[in-house]
Amino acid sequence: MTDSTFTFRVDDDLKTAFAETAKAQDRTAAQLLRVLMREAVEESRAKREYDEWFDAEIDAALKEADDPNTEWVPHEVVKEDMARQRAELLARIEAEKK
């Protein structure tokens, strides 16, 4: 991999504080900048990948919702089933305490 020079202007106080921060981490300012740049690129890539995954999940859910063969379960039925499962779990916990 070839190296490139990255030149930009920065406030003197920020430059001094950044150099001190890098020194406290036993790094040069250039080393710390490379770390920060890599982290920014990776964070951006991870966000983009998550957004793509999320969009695909939404598309799949919408497709499933539009499918006439999709079986719909009424909210009340789901609530009753969850209440039953919760009661069973609580009963098991109580039984294990004894």
PDB file of N, CA and C in Angstrom:
ATOM      1  N   MET A   1       0.849  -1.175   0.000  1.00  0.00           N
ATOM      2  CA  MET A   1       0.000   0.000   0.000  1.00  0.00           C
ATOM      3  C   MET A   1       0.897   1.241   0.000  1.00  0.00           C
ATOM      4  N   THR A   2       0.613   2.166  -0.872  1.00  0.00           N
ATOM      5  CA  THR A   2       1.408   3.389  -0.920  1.00  0.00           C
ATOM      6  C   THR A   2       0.863   4.400   0.073  1.00  0.00           C
ATOM      7  N   ASP A   3       1.739   5.253   0.550  1.00  0.00           N
ATOM      8  CA  ASP A   3       1.354   6.288   1.506  1.00  0.00           C
ATOM      9  C   ASP A   3       1.072   7.589   0.775  1.00  0.00           C
ATOM     10  N   SER A   4       0.184   8.369   1.336  1.00  0.00           N
ATOM     11  CA  SER A   4      -0.134   9.696   0.821  1.00  0.00           C
ATOM     12  C   SER A   4       0.015  10.699   1.940  1.00  0.00           C
ATOM     13  N   THR A   5       0.223  11.936   1.563  1.00  0.00           N
ATOM     14  CA  THR A   5       0.302  13.005   2.549  1.00  0.00           C
ATOM     15  C   THR A   5      -1.056  13.669   2.653  1.00  0.00           C
ATOM     16  N   PHE A   6      -1.475  13.933   3.860  1.00  0.00           N
ATOM     17  CA  PHE A   6      -2.763  14.554   4.140  1.00  0.00           C
ATOM     18  C   PHE A   6      -2.455  15.880   4.826  1.00  0.00           C
ATOM     19  N   THR A   7      -2.751  16.984   4.186  1.00  0.00           N
ATOM     20  CA  THR A   7      -2.435  18.298   4.731  1.00  0.00           C
ATOM     21  C   THR A   7      -3.718  19.073   4.979  1.00  0.00           C
ATOM     22  N   PHE A   8      -3.823  19.683   6.169  1.00  0.00           N
ATOM     23  CA  PHE A   8      -4.982  20.506   6.480  1.00  0.00           C
ATOM     24  C   PHE A   8      -4.615  21.501   7.567  1.00  0.00           C
ATOM     25  N   ARG A   9      -5.416  22.525   7.687  1.00  0.00           N
ATOM     26  CA  ARG A   9      -5.183  23.565   8.696  1.00  0.00           C
ATOM     27  C   ARG A   9      -5.964  23.220   9.971  1.00  0.00           C
ATOM     28  N   VAL A  10      -5.340  23.581  11.101  1.00  0.00           N
ATOM     29  CA  VAL A  10      -5.987  23.347  12.383  1.00  0.00           C
ATOM     30  C   VAL A  10      -5.567  24.458  13.343  1.00  0.00           C
ATOM     31  N   ASP A  11      -6.436  24.802  14.235  1.00  0.00           N
ATOM     32  CA  ASP A  11      -6.178  25.815  15.253  1.00  0.00           C
ATOM     33  C   ASP A  11      -4.958  25.408  16.081  1.00  0.00           C
ATOM     34  N   ASP A  12      -4.093  26.377  16.420  1.00  0.00           N
ATOM     35  CA  ASP A  12      -2.875  26.083  17.176  1.00  0.00           C
ATOM     36  C   ASP A  12      -3.158  25.416  18.520  1.00  0.00           C
ATOM     37  N   ASP A  13      -4.194  25.879  19.219  1.00  0.00           N
ATOM     38  CA  ASP A  13      -4.520  25.286  20.518  1.00  0.00           C
ATOM     39  C   ASP A  13      -4.948  23.827  20.369  1.00  0.00           C
ATOM     40  N   LEU A  14      -5.739  23.565  19.335  1.00  0.00           N
ATOM     41  CA  LEU A  14      -6.167  22.190  19.089  1.00  0.00           C
ATOM     42  C   LEU A  14      -4.979  21.314  18.725  1.00  0.00           C
ATOM     43  N   LYS A  15      -4.085  21.842  17.906  1.00  0.00           N
ATOM     44  CA  LYS A  15      -2.893  21.077  17.505  1.00  0.00           C
ATOM     45  C   LYS A  15      -2.049  20.729  18.727  1.00  0.00           C
ATOM     46  N   THR A  16      -1.851  21.699  19.603  1.00  0.00           N
ATOM     47  CA  THR A  16      -1.059  21.466  20.812  1.00  0.00           C
ATOM     48  C   THR A  16      -1.731  20.435  21.717  1.00  0.00           C
ATOM     49  N   ALA A  17      -3.031  20.604  21.936  1.00  0.00           N
ATOM     50  CA  ALA A  17      -3.766  19.667  22.795  1.00  0.00           C
ATOM     51  C   ALA A  17      -3.764  18.268  22.186  1.00  0.00           C
ATOM     52  N   PHE A  18      -3.905  18.174  20.862  1.00  0.00           N
ATOM     53  CA  PHE A  18      -3.905  16.865  20.202  1.00  0.00           C
ATOM     54  C   PHE A  18      -2.540  16.207  20.324  1.00  0.00           C
ATOM     55  N   ALA A  19      -1.481  16.982  20.149  1.00  0.00           N
ATOM     56  CA  ALA A  19      -0.124  16.433  20.282  1.00  0.00           C
ATOM     57  C   ALA A  19       0.105  15.924  21.700  1.00  0.00           C
ATOM     58  N   GLU A  20      -0.391  16.643  22.692  1.00  0.00           N
ATOM     59  CA  GLU A  20      -0.266  16.209  24.093  1.00  0.00           C
ATOM     60  C   GLU A  20      -1.076  14.934  24.328  1.00  0.00           C
ATOM     61  N   THR A  21      -2.256  14.859  23.740  1.00  0.00           N
ATOM     62  CA  THR A  21      -3.088  13.663  23.868  1.00  0.00           C
ATOM     63  C   THR A  21      -2.398  12.464  23.238  1.00  0.00           C
ATOM     64  N   ALA A  22      -1.825  12.657  22.075  1.00  0.00           N
ATOM     65  CA  ALA A  22      -1.106  11.573  21.402  1.00  0.00           C
ATOM     66  C   ALA A  22       0.084  11.126  22.242  1.00  0.00           C
ATOM     67  N   LYS A  23       0.830  12.087  22.773  1.00  0.00           N
ATOM     68  CA  LYS A  23       1.999  11.764  23.593  1.00  0.00           C
ATOM     69  C   LYS A  23       1.590  10.977  24.838  1.00  0.00           C
ATOM     70  N   ALA A  24       0.458  11.347  25.430  1.00  0.00           N
ATOM     71  CA  ALA A  24      -0.036  10.646  26.618  1.00  0.00           C
ATOM     72  C   ALA A  24      -0.383   9.198  26.289  1.00  0.00           C
ATOM     73  N   GLN A  25      -0.682   8.930  25.018  1.00  0.00           N
ATOM     74  CA  GLN A  25      -0.986   7.562  24.572  1.00  0.00           C
ATOM     75  C   GLN A  25       0.249   6.893  23.971  1.00  0.00           C
ATOM     76  N   ASP A  26       1.410   7.539  24.145  1.00  0.00           N
ATOM     77  CA  ASP A  26       2.684   7.023  23.625  1.00  0.00           C
ATOM     78  C   ASP A  26       2.623   6.823  22.108  1.00  0.00           C
ATOM     79  N   ARG A  27       2.044   7.824  21.437  1.00  0.00           N
ATOM     80  CA  ARG A  27       1.931   7.806  19.979  1.00  0.00           C
ATOM     81  C   ARG A  27       2.305   9.175  19.449  1.00  0.00           C
ATOM     82  N   THR A  28       2.609   9.210  18.171  1.00  0.00           N
ATOM     83  CA  THR A  28       2.775  10.505  17.523  1.00  0.00           C
ATOM     84  C   THR A  28       1.397  10.985  17.098  1.00  0.00           C
ATOM     85  N   ALA A  29       1.301  12.279  16.797  1.00  0.00           N
ATOM     86  CA  ALA A  29       0.026  12.817  16.330  1.00  0.00           C
ATOM     87  C   ALA A  29      -0.397  12.112  15.045  1.00  0.00           C
ATOM     88  N   ALA A  30       0.558  11.830  14.159  1.00  0.00           N
ATOM     89  CA  ALA A  30       0.234  11.155  12.899  1.00  0.00           C
ATOM     90  C   ALA A  30      -0.313   9.752  13.153  1.00  0.00           C
ATOM     91  N   GLN A  31       0.285   9.031  14.107  1.00  0.00           N
ATOM     92  CA  GLN A  31      -0.210   7.686  14.422  1.00  0.00           C
ATOM     93  C   GLN A  31      -1.640   7.750  14.950  1.00  0.00           C
ATOM     94  N   LEU A  32      -1.883   8.698  15.837  1.00  0.00           N
ATOM     95  CA  LEU A  32      -3.221   8.830  16.413  1.00  0.00           C
ATOM     96  C   LEU A  32      -4.236   9.261  15.350  1.00  0.00           C
ATOM     97  N   LEU A  33      -3.833  10.140  14.457  1.00  0.00           N
ATOM     98  CA  LEU A  33      -4.731  10.533  13.368  1.00  0.00           C
ATOM     99  C   LEU A  33      -5.084   9.337  12.491  1.00  0.00           C
ATOM    100  N   ARG A  34      -4.108   8.481  12.197  1.00  0.00           N
ATOM    101  CA  ARG A  34      -4.404   7.280  11.396  1.00  0.00           C
ATOM    102  C   ARG A  34      -5.395   6.376  12.115  1.00  0.00           C
ATOM    103  N   VAL A  35      -5.231   6.213  13.426  1.00  0.00           N
ATOM    104  CA  VAL A  35      -6.169   5.399  14.207  1.00  0.00           C
ATOM    105  C   VAL A  35      -7.569   6.004  14.129  1.00  0.00           C
ATOM    106  N   LEU A  36      -7.658   7.306  14.330  1.00  0.00           N
ATOM    107  CA  LEU A  36      -8.954   7.978  14.290  1.00  0.00           C
ATOM    108  C   LEU A  36      -9.590   7.879  12.900  1.00  0.00           C
ATOM    109  N   MET A  37      -8.787   8.000  11.865  1.00  0.00           N
ATOM    110  CA  MET A  37      -9.307   7.891  10.501  1.00  0.00           C
ATOM    111  C   MET A  37      -9.832   6.483  10.238  1.00  0.00           C
ATOM    112  N   ARG A  38      -9.068   5.465  10.667  1.00  0.00           N
ATOM    113  CA  ARG A  38      -9.515   4.078  10.477  1.00  0.00           C
ATOM    114  C   ARG A  38     -10.827   3.827  11.224  1.00  0.00           C
ATOM    115  N   GLU A  39     -10.905   4.324  12.454  1.00  0.00           N
ATOM    116  CA  GLU A  39     -12.130   4.148  13.243  1.00  0.00           C
ATOM    117  C   GLU A  39     -13.311   4.845  12.586  1.00  0.00           C
ATOM    118  N   ALA A  40     -13.101   6.033  12.042  1.00  0.00           N
ATOM    119  CA  ALA A  40     -14.186   6.760  11.376  1.00  0.00           C
ATOM    120  C   ALA A  40     -14.659   6.001  10.143  1.00  0.00           C
ATOM    121  N   VAL A  41     -13.716   5.464   9.375  1.00  0.00           N
ATOM    122  CA  VAL A  41     -14.069   4.697   8.179  1.00  0.00           C
ATOM    123  C   VAL A  41     -14.824   3.433   8.571  1.00  0.00           C
ATOM    124  N   GLU A  42     -14.341   2.718   9.585  1.00  0.00           N
ATOM    125  CA  GLU A  42     -14.999   1.477  10.017  1.00  0.00           C
ATOM    126  C   GLU A  42     -16.390   1.759  10.573  1.00  0.00           C
ATOM    127  N   GLU A  43     -16.520   2.827  11.354  1.00  0.00           N
ATOM    128  CA  GLU A  43     -17.831   3.188  11.906  1.00  0.00           C
ATOM    129  C   GLU A  43     -18.815   3.517  10.782  1.00  0.00           C
ATOM    130  N   SER A  44     -18.350   4.253   9.788  1.00  0.00           N
ATOM    131  CA  SER A  44     -19.199   4.596   8.654  1.00  0.00           C
ATOM    132  C   SER A  44     -19.600   3.348   7.874  1.00  0.00           C
ATOM    133  N   ARG A  45     -18.645   2.450   7.671  1.00  0.00           N
ATOM    134  CA  ARG A  45     -18.925   1.201   6.950  1.00  0.00           C
ATOM    135  C   ARG A  45     -19.932   0.349   7.723  1.00  0.00           C
ATOM    136  N   ALA A  46     -19.740   0.250   9.037  1.00  0.00           N
ATOM    137  CA  ALA A  46     -20.642  -0.554   9.862  1.00  0.00           C
ATOM    138  C   ALA A  46     -22.057   0.039   9.842  1.00  0.00           C
ATOM    139  N   LYS A  47     -22.158   1.362   9.903  1.00  0.00           N
ATOM    140  CA  LYS A  47     -23.474   2.008   9.856  1.00  0.00           C
ATOM    141  C   LYS A  47     -24.141   1.747   8.514  1.00  0.00           C
ATOM    142  N   ARG A  48     -23.385   1.866   7.441  1.00  0.00           N
ATOM    143  CA  ARG A  48     -23.941   1.633   6.107  1.00  0.00           C
ATOM    144  C   ARG A  48     -24.413   0.187   5.965  1.00  0.00           C
ATOM    145  N   GLU A  49     -23.607  -0.763   6.456  1.00  0.00           N
ATOM    146  CA  GLU A  49     -23.993  -2.176   6.385  1.00  0.00           C
ATOM    147  C   GLU A  49     -25.246  -2.441   7.218  1.00  0.00           C
ATOM    148  N   TYR A  50     -25.332  -1.826   8.407  1.00  0.00           N
ATOM    149  CA  TYR A  50     -26.515  -2.000   9.245  1.00  0.00           C
ATOM    150  C   TYR A  50     -27.744  -1.427   8.546  1.00  0.00           C
ATOM    151  N   ASP A  51     -27.593  -0.222   7.980  1.00  0.00           N
ATOM    152  CA  ASP A  51     -28.724   0.404   7.282  1.00  0.00           C
ATOM    153  C   ASP A  51     -29.197  -0.459   6.120  1.00  0.00           C
ATOM    154  N   GLU A  52     -28.261  -1.044   5.381  1.00  0.00           N
ATOM    155  CA  GLU A  52     -28.625  -1.928   4.266  1.00  0.00           C
ATOM    156  C   GLU A  52     -29.365  -3.162   4.783  1.00  0.00           C
ATOM    157  N   TRP A  53     -28.864  -3.750   5.882  1.00  0.00           N
ATOM    158  CA  TRP A  53     -29.518  -4.917   6.481  1.00  0.00           C
ATOM    159  C   TRP A  53     -30.930  -4.545   6.944  1.00  0.00           C
ATOM    160  N   PHE A  54     -31.034  -3.404   7.636  1.00  0.00           N
ATOM    161  CA  PHE A  54     -32.320  -2.972   8.173  1.00  0.00           C
ATOM    162  C   PHE A  54     -33.327  -2.721   7.049  1.00  0.00           C
ATOM    163  N   ASP A  55     -32.878  -2.056   5.997  1.00  0.00           N
ATOM    164  CA  ASP A  55     -33.754  -1.809   4.850  1.00  0.00           C
ATOM    165  C   ASP A  55     -34.232  -3.120   4.231  1.00  0.00           C
ATOM    166  N   ALA A  56     -33.334  -4.098   4.143  1.00  0.00           N
ATOM    167  CA  ALA A  56     -33.716  -5.406   3.597  1.00  0.00           C
ATOM    168  C   ALA A  56     -34.735  -6.096   4.497  1.00  0.00           C
ATOM    169  N   GLU A  57     -34.583  -5.964   5.809  1.00  0.00           N
ATOM    170  CA  GLU A  57     -35.539  -6.548   6.747  1.00  0.00           C
ATOM    171  C   GLU A  57     -36.916  -5.907   6.590  1.00  0.00           C
ATOM    172  N   ILE A  58     -36.937  -4.591   6.424  1.00  0.00           N
ATOM    173  CA  ILE A  58     -38.211  -3.892   6.226  1.00  0.00           C
ATOM    174  C   ILE A  58     -38.859  -4.347   4.921  1.00  0.00           C
ATOM    175  N   ASP A  59     -38.057  -4.426   3.855  1.00  0.00           N
ATOM    176  CA  ASP A  59     -38.599  -4.884   2.570  1.00  0.00           C
ATOM    177  C   ASP A  59     -39.191  -6.290   2.692  1.00  0.00           C
ATOM    178  N   ALA A  60     -38.482  -7.174   3.400  1.00  0.00           N
ATOM    179  CA  ALA A  60     -38.970  -8.550   3.574  1.00  0.00           C
ATOM    180  C   ALA A  60     -40.264  -8.553   4.388  1.00  0.00           C
ATOM    181  N   ALA A  61     -40.329  -7.725   5.425  1.00  0.00           N
ATOM    182  CA  ALA A  61     -41.537  -7.665   6.254  1.00  0.00           C
ATOM    183  C   ALA A  61     -42.721  -7.131   5.459  1.00  0.00           C
ATOM    184  N   LEU A  62     -42.474  -6.111   4.647  1.00  0.00           N
ATOM    185  CA  LEU A  62     -43.559  -5.570   3.826  1.00  0.00           C
ATOM    186  C   LEU A  62     -44.030  -6.591   2.800  1.00  0.00           C
ATOM    187  N   LYS A  63     -43.088  -7.315   2.234  1.00  0.00           N
ATOM    188  CA  LYS A  63     -43.454  -8.353   1.260  1.00  0.00           C
ATOM    189  C   LYS A  63     -44.294  -9.432   1.945  1.00  0.00           C
ATOM    190  N   GLU A  64     -43.874  -9.822   3.151  1.00  0.00           N
ATOM    191  CA  GLU A  64     -44.627 -10.838   3.891  1.00  0.00           C
ATOM    192  C   GLU A  64     -46.020 -10.311   4.252  1.00  0.00           C
ATOM    193  N   ALA A  65     -46.084  -9.043   4.650  1.00  0.00           N
ATOM    194  CA  ALA A  65     -47.386  -8.457   5.025  1.00  0.00           C
ATOM    195  C   ALA A  65     -48.332  -8.402   3.830  1.00  0.00           C
ATOM    196  N   ASP A  66     -47.792  -8.207   2.642  1.00  0.00           N
ATOM    197  CA  ASP A  66     -48.620  -8.139   1.431  1.00  0.00           C
ATOM    198  C   ASP A  66     -48.975  -9.512   0.870  1.00  0.00           C
ATOM    199  N   ASP A  67     -48.311 -10.551   1.366  1.00  0.00           N
ATOM    200  CA  ASP A  67     -48.552 -11.909   0.862  1.00  0.00           C
ATOM    201  C   ASP A  67     -49.926 -12.392   1.352  1.00  0.00           C
ATOM    202  N   PRO A  68     -50.796 -12.783   0.426  1.00  0.00           N
ATOM    203  CA  PRO A  68     -52.130 -13.234   0.850  1.00  0.00           C
ATOM    204  C   PRO A  68     -52.099 -14.536   1.654  1.00  0.00           C
ATOM    205  N   ASN A  69     -50.996 -15.262   1.622  1.00  0.00           N
ATOM    206  CA  ASN A  69     -50.883 -16.510   2.372  1.00  0.00           C
ATOM    207  C   ASN A  69     -50.357 -16.308   3.797  1.00  0.00           C
ATOM    208  N   THR A  70     -50.042 -15.068   4.138  1.00  0.00           N
ATOM    209  CA  THR A  70     -49.539 -14.782   5.480  1.00  0.00           C
ATOM    210  C   THR A  70     -50.652 -15.005   6.488  1.00  0.00           C
ATOM    211  N   GLU A  71     -50.316 -15.732   7.558  1.00  0.00           N
ATOM    212  CA  GLU A  71     -51.294 -15.995   8.626  1.00  0.00           C
ATOM    213  C   GLU A  71     -51.182 -14.891   9.666  1.00  0.00           C
ATOM    214  N   TRP A  72     -52.262 -14.197   9.899  1.00  0.00           N
ATOM    215  CA  TRP A  72     -52.294 -13.105  10.863  1.00  0.00           C
ATOM    216  C   TRP A  72     -52.857 -13.616  12.189  1.00  0.00           C
ATOM    217  N   VAL A  73     -52.220 -13.226  13.275  1.00  0.00           N
ATOM    218  CA  VAL A  73     -52.666 -13.610  14.613  1.00  0.00           C
ATOM    219  C   VAL A  73     -53.150 -12.340  15.304  1.00  0.00           C
ATOM    220  N   PRO A  74     -54.390 -12.328  15.762  1.00  0.00           N
ATOM    221  CA  PRO A  74     -54.924 -11.133  16.423  1.00  0.00           C
ATOM    222  C   PRO A  74     -54.134 -10.786  17.690  1.00  0.00           C
ATOM    223  N   HIS A  75     -54.051  -9.515  17.961  1.00  0.00           N
ATOM    224  CA  HIS A  75     -53.298  -9.019  19.115  1.00  0.00           C
ATOM    225  C   HIS A  75     -53.765  -9.661  20.421  1.00  0.00           C
ATOM    226  N   GLU A  76     -55.041  -9.787  20.607  1.00  0.00           N
ATOM    227  CA  GLU A  76     -55.575 -10.371  21.838  1.00  0.00           C
ATOM    228  C   GLU A  76     -55.100 -11.818  22.015  1.00  0.00           C
ATOM    229  N   VAL A  77     -55.017 -12.562  20.927  1.00  0.00           N
ATOM    230  CA  VAL A  77     -54.549 -13.952  20.997  1.00  0.00           C
ATOM    231  C   VAL A  77     -53.085 -13.984  21.429  1.00  0.00           C
ATOM    232  N   VAL A  78     -52.289 -13.086  20.875  1.00  0.00           N
ATOM    233  CA  VAL A  78     -50.867 -13.021  21.240  1.00  0.00           C
ATOM    234  C   VAL A  78     -50.730 -12.645  22.714  1.00  0.00           C
ATOM    235  N   LYS A  79     -51.497 -11.644  23.162  1.00  0.00           N
ATOM    236  CA  LYS A  79     -51.440 -11.239  24.569  1.00  0.00           C
ATOM    237  C   LYS A  79     -51.809 -12.398  25.497  1.00  0.00           C
ATOM    238  N   GLU A  80     -52.852 -13.136  25.158  1.00  0.00           N
ATOM    239  CA  GLU A  80     -53.274 -14.271  25.981  1.00  0.00           C
ATOM    240  C   GLU A  80     -52.187 -15.343  26.023  1.00  0.00           C
ATOM    241  N   ASP A  81     -51.575 -15.623  24.876  1.00  0.00           N
ATOM    242  CA  ASP A  81     -50.526 -16.645  24.813  1.00  0.00           C
ATOM    243  C   ASP A  81     -49.314 -16.213  25.641  1.00  0.00           C
ATOM    244  N   MET A  82     -48.933 -14.942  25.539  1.00  0.00           N
ATOM    245  CA  MET A  82     -47.785 -14.465  26.317  1.00  0.00           C
ATOM    246  C   MET A  82     -48.087 -14.488  27.814  1.00  0.00           C
ATOM    247  N   ALA A  83     -49.300 -14.157  28.188  1.00  0.00           N
ATOM    248  CA  ALA A  83     -49.684 -14.209  29.600  1.00  0.00           C
ATOM    249  C   ALA A  83     -49.620 -15.642  30.117  1.00  0.00           C
ATOM    250  N   ARG A  84     -50.070 -16.596  29.295  1.00  0.00           N
ATOM    251  CA  ARG A  84     -50.010 -17.999  29.683  1.00  0.00           C
ATOM    252  C   ARG A  84     -48.553 -18.442  29.849  1.00  0.00           C
ATOM    253  N   GLN A  85     -47.687 -18.078  28.889  1.00  0.00           N
ATOM    254  CA  GLN A  85     -46.277 -18.461  28.975  1.00  0.00           C
ATOM    255  C   GLN A  85     -45.615 -17.840  30.202  1.00  0.00           C
ATOM    256  N   ARG A  86     -45.948 -16.582  30.487  1.00  0.00           N
ATOM    257  CA  ARG A  86     -45.380 -15.913  31.649  1.00  0.00           C
ATOM    258  C   ARG A  86     -45.816 -16.612  32.929  1.00  0.00           C
ATOM    259  N   ALA A  87     -47.080 -16.961  33.022  1.00  0.00           N
ATOM    260  CA  ALA A  87     -47.595 -17.652  34.214  1.00  0.00           C
ATOM    261  C   ALA A  87     -46.891 -18.990  34.397  1.00  0.00           C
ATOM    262  N   GLU A  88     -46.670 -19.714  33.294  1.00  0.00           N
ATOM    263  CA  GLU A  88     -45.969 -20.998  33.380  1.00  0.00           C
ATOM    264  C   GLU A  88     -44.531 -20.816  33.871  1.00  0.00           C
ATOM    265  N   LEU A  89     -43.851 -19.803  33.352  1.00  0.00           N
ATOM    266  CA  LEU A  89     -42.469 -19.544  33.787  1.00  0.00           C
ATOM    267  C   LEU A  89     -42.410 -19.152  35.258  1.00  0.00           C
ATOM    268  N   LEU A  90     -43.326 -18.289  35.680  1.00  0.00           N
ATOM    269  CA  LEU A  90     -43.347 -17.881  37.083  1.00  0.00           C
ATOM    270  C   LEU A  90     -43.644 -19.070  37.990  1.00  0.00           C
ATOM    271  N   ALA A  91     -44.540 -19.956  37.559  1.00  0.00           N
ATOM    272  CA  ALA A  91     -44.851 -21.156  38.342  1.00  0.00           C
ATOM    273  C   ALA A  91     -43.617 -22.053  38.444  1.00  0.00           C
ATOM    274  N   ARG A  92     -42.865 -22.184  37.340  1.00  0.00           N
ATOM    275  CA  ARG A  92     -41.638 -23.003  37.359  1.00  0.00           C
ATOM    276  C   ARG A  92     -40.589 -22.398  38.292  1.00  0.00           C
ATOM    277  N   ILE A  93     -40.486 -21.091  38.269  1.00  0.00           N
ATOM    278  CA  ILE A  93     -39.519 -20.417  39.160  1.00  0.00           C
ATOM    279  C   ILE A  93     -39.898 -20.647  40.611  1.00  0.00           C
ATOM    280  N   GLU A  94     -41.175 -20.504  40.927  1.00  0.00           N
ATOM    281  CA  GLU A  94     -41.645 -20.730  42.286  1.00  0.00           C
ATOM    282  C   GLU A  94     -41.398 -22.178  42.718  1.00  0.00           C
ATOM    283  N   ALA A  95     -41.641 -23.126  41.806  1.00  0.00           N
ATOM    284  CA  ALA A  95     -41.435 -24.537  42.114  1.00  0.00           C
ATOM    285  C   ALA A  95     -39.955 -24.843  42.371  1.00  0.00           C
ATOM    286  N   GLU A  96     -39.068 -24.170  41.639  1.00  0.00           N
ATOM    287  CA  GLU A  96     -37.628 -24.394  41.811  1.00  0.00           C
ATOM    288  C   GLU A  96     -37.110 -23.789  43.106  1.00  0.00           C
ATOM    289  N   LYS A  97     -37.776 -22.773  43.635  1.00  0.00           N
ATOM    290  CA  LYS A  97     -37.382 -22.161  44.890  1.00  0.00           C
ATOM    291  C   LYS A  97     -37.626 -23.106  46.074  1.00  0.00           C
ATOM    292  N   LYS A  98     -38.597 -24.009  45.888  1.00  0.00           N
ATOM    293  CA  LYS A  98     -38.986 -24.902  47.005  1.00  0.00           C
ATOM    294  C   LYS A  98     -38.111 -26.093  47.104  1.00  0.00           C
TER     295      LYS A  98
END
